[in-house]
Amino acid sequence: MMTIRRTSGQALVEFTLFFTLLLLLIAGVVDVGFVLFKYTALSDAAQEGAAYAAINPADTPGIEDRVKDALSSLVPEDEVTVDVTFPDGHACPGARVKVAVSTDHMVLFPFARTFVPDGTVHLSADALQTVLQSSALCPTGTP
């Protein structure tokens, strides 16, 4: 005598397990995509600020505004820190200006806390340019 096994629920259980893992994988990929997008936006904004600073090195508020205007709408301006420094110690033509932009990204993926314990990823980008025009920040007697 043959016994009949019921396997009608097996496919549903397999699909549920596979679909759950697939959704977790997709959520992780989307979160990594957000991080890469924000980093690219920060890098582009830092380059824009450095280009402005090369022509107007004394206009720090203008540099910060230029950086924040260059950011994408997905990067909130109030969460961004802009730091303008002169590695050579002065802002005379030929010196360097460095614009650093940073922000924090809260991870959306729930299981990412395994890799990122506090749930935030610190992102920063900087850009160096050569000062092209003299400014009030250039001390007298400096070339």
Protein backbone atom coordinates (compact mmCIF):
# COMPACT_ATOMS: atom_id res chain seq x y z
CA MET A 1 0.00 0.00 0.00
CA MET A 2 1.38 3.44 -0.98
CA THR A 3 1.24 6.40 1.30
CA ILE A 4 0.54 9.81 -0.14
CA ARG A 5 2.63 12.69 1.15
CA ARG A 6 1.32 16.19 1.17
CA THR A 7 3.86 18.66 -0.23
CA SER A 8 1.57 21.56 -1.03
CA GLY A 9 3.00 23.76 1.76
CA GLN A 10 6.65 23.06 1.00
CA ALA A 11 6.84 25.46 -1.94
CA LEU A 12 5.24 28.22 0.11
CA VAL A 13 7.78 27.80 2.94
CA GLU A 14 10.71 27.77 0.49
CA PHE A 15 9.39 30.86 -1.27
CA THR A 16 8.94 32.70 2.05
CA LEU A 17 12.51 31.95 3.16
CA PHE A 18 13.99 32.91 -0.20
CA PHE A 19 11.88 36.08 -0.52
CA THR A 20 12.87 37.25 2.98
CA LEU A 21 16.57 36.84 2.21
CA LEU A 22 16.11 38.56 -1.14
CA LEU A 23 14.41 41.57 0.49
CA LEU A 24 17.21 41.85 3.07
CA LEU A 25 19.80 41.76 0.31
CA ILE A 26 17.99 44.43 -1.72
CA ALA A 27 17.62 46.67 1.35
CA GLY A 28 21.37 46.41 1.98
CA VAL A 29 22.21 47.26 -1.63
CA VAL A 30 19.88 50.28 -1.54
CA ASP A 31 21.52 51.52 1.67
CA VAL A 32 25.02 51.17 0.20
CA GLY A 33 23.75 53.06 -2.85
CA PHE A 34 22.59 55.93 -0.62
CA VAL A 35 26.03 56.07 1.04
CA LEU A 36 27.81 56.18 -2.33
CA PHE A 37 25.41 58.82 -3.63
CA LYS A 38 25.97 61.04 -0.58
CA TYR A 39 29.74 60.63 -0.84
CA THR A 40 29.67 61.61 -4.52
CA ALA A 41 27.51 64.65 -3.72
CA LEU A 42 29.93 65.70 -0.95
CA SER A 43 32.93 65.28 -3.24
CA ASP A 44 31.34 67.36 -6.00
CA ALA A 45 30.33 70.07 -3.52
CA ALA A 46 33.85 70.20 -2.08
CA GLN A 47 35.27 70.64 -5.61
CA GLU A 48 32.77 73.43 -6.29
CA GLY A 49 33.70 75.18 -3.04
CA ALA A 50 37.42 74.85 -3.74
CA ALA A 51 36.99 76.31 -7.22
CA TYR A 52 35.17 79.31 -5.71
CA ALA A 53 37.78 79.61 -2.94
CA ALA A 54 40.58 79.77 -5.51
CA ILE A 55 39.13 83.03 -6.80
CA ASN A 56 37.66 84.41 -3.53
CA PRO A 57 39.80 82.99 -0.71
CA ALA A 58 38.67 85.57 1.88
CA ASP A 59 34.95 84.93 1.36
CA THR A 60 34.44 82.02 3.80
CA PRO A 61 30.63 82.48 4.07
CA GLY A 62 30.47 82.58 0.26
CA ILE A 63 32.51 79.38 0.03
CA GLU A 64 30.16 77.65 2.48
CA ASP A 65 27.12 78.89 0.54
CA ARG A 66 28.65 77.66 -2.73
CA VAL A 67 29.21 74.21 -1.21
CA LYS A 68 25.69 73.99 0.19
CA ASP A 69 24.17 75.18 -3.10
CA ALA A 70 26.06 72.44 -4.94
CA LEU A 71 24.68 69.68 -2.70
CA SER A 72 21.88 67.45 -3.87
CA SER A 73 18.45 67.72 -2.30
CA LEU A 74 19.01 64.29 -0.68
CA VAL A 75 21.82 65.74 1.47
CA PRO A 76 20.30 68.13 4.04
CA GLU A 77 22.29 71.40 4.25
CA ASP A 78 21.90 71.70 8.02
CA GLU A 79 23.66 68.35 8.54
CA VAL A 80 26.73 69.32 6.49
CA THR A 81 29.93 70.75 7.96
CA VAL A 82 32.21 72.85 5.74
CA ASP A 83 35.79 73.61 6.78
CA VAL A 84 38.04 75.98 4.79
CA THR A 85 41.79 75.91 5.55
CA PHE A 86 44.99 77.12 3.95
CA PRO A 87 47.66 74.39 4.31
CA ASP A 88 50.47 76.80 3.37
CA GLY A 89 49.48 79.19 6.16
CA HIS A 90 48.44 82.07 3.92
CA ALA A 91 45.97 82.83 1.13
CA CYS A 92 48.31 84.47 -1.36
CA PRO A 93 48.31 83.53 -5.06
CA GLY A 94 50.08 80.20 -5.53
CA ALA A 95 49.17 78.92 -2.05
CA ARG A 96 46.72 76.06 -1.57
CA VAL A 97 43.19 76.19 -0.20
CA LYS A 98 41.51 73.08 1.16
CA VAL A 99 37.72 72.73 1.42
CA ALA A 100 36.54 69.79 3.54
CA VAL A 101 32.88 68.75 3.62
CA SER A 102 31.46 66.15 6.01
CA THR A 103 28.15 64.69 7.16
CA ASP A 104 26.75 61.61 8.87
CA HIS A 105 24.49 59.05 7.23
CA MET A 106 22.00 57.08 9.30
CA VAL A 107 21.84 53.52 8.00
CA LEU A 108 18.35 52.41 7.01
CA PHE A 109 19.09 48.70 6.79
CA PRO A 110 18.12 47.16 10.15
CA PHE A 111 20.83 44.50 10.22
CA ALA A 112 23.62 46.91 9.28
CA ARG A 113 24.24 47.53 12.97
CA THR A 114 26.26 44.32 12.84
CA PHE A 115 28.80 46.19 10.71
CA VAL A 116 28.10 49.75 11.90
CA PRO A 117 27.50 49.57 15.68
CA ASP A 118 26.16 53.10 16.24
CA GLY A 119 24.05 53.11 13.07
CA THR A 120 25.78 56.08 11.43
CA VAL A 121 28.44 56.27 8.75
CA HIS A 122 30.65 59.37 8.80
CA LEU A 123 31.26 60.65 5.28
CA SER A 124 33.82 63.29 4.36
CA ALA A 125 35.37 64.62 1.18
CA ASP A 126 37.91 67.34 0.56
CA ALA A 127 39.33 69.24 -2.38
CA LEU A 128 42.54 71.20 -2.87
CA GLN A 129 42.93 74.13 -5.24
CA THR A 130 45.59 76.75 -5.85
CA VAL A 131 44.67 80.31 -4.86
CA LEU A 132 44.53 82.41 -8.03
CA GLN A 133 43.72 85.90 -6.75
CA SER A 134 45.13 87.97 -3.93
CA SER A 135 42.91 88.69 -0.97
CA ALA A 136 42.85 90.47 2.38
CA LEU A 137 44.09 87.21 3.93
CA CYS A 138 47.42 87.54 2.11
CA PRO A 139 49.96 89.11 4.52
CA THR A 140 52.10 91.97 3.24
CA GLY A 141 55.46 90.87 1.92
CA THR A 142 54.33 87.31 1.15
CA PRO A 143 54.80 86.36 -2.50
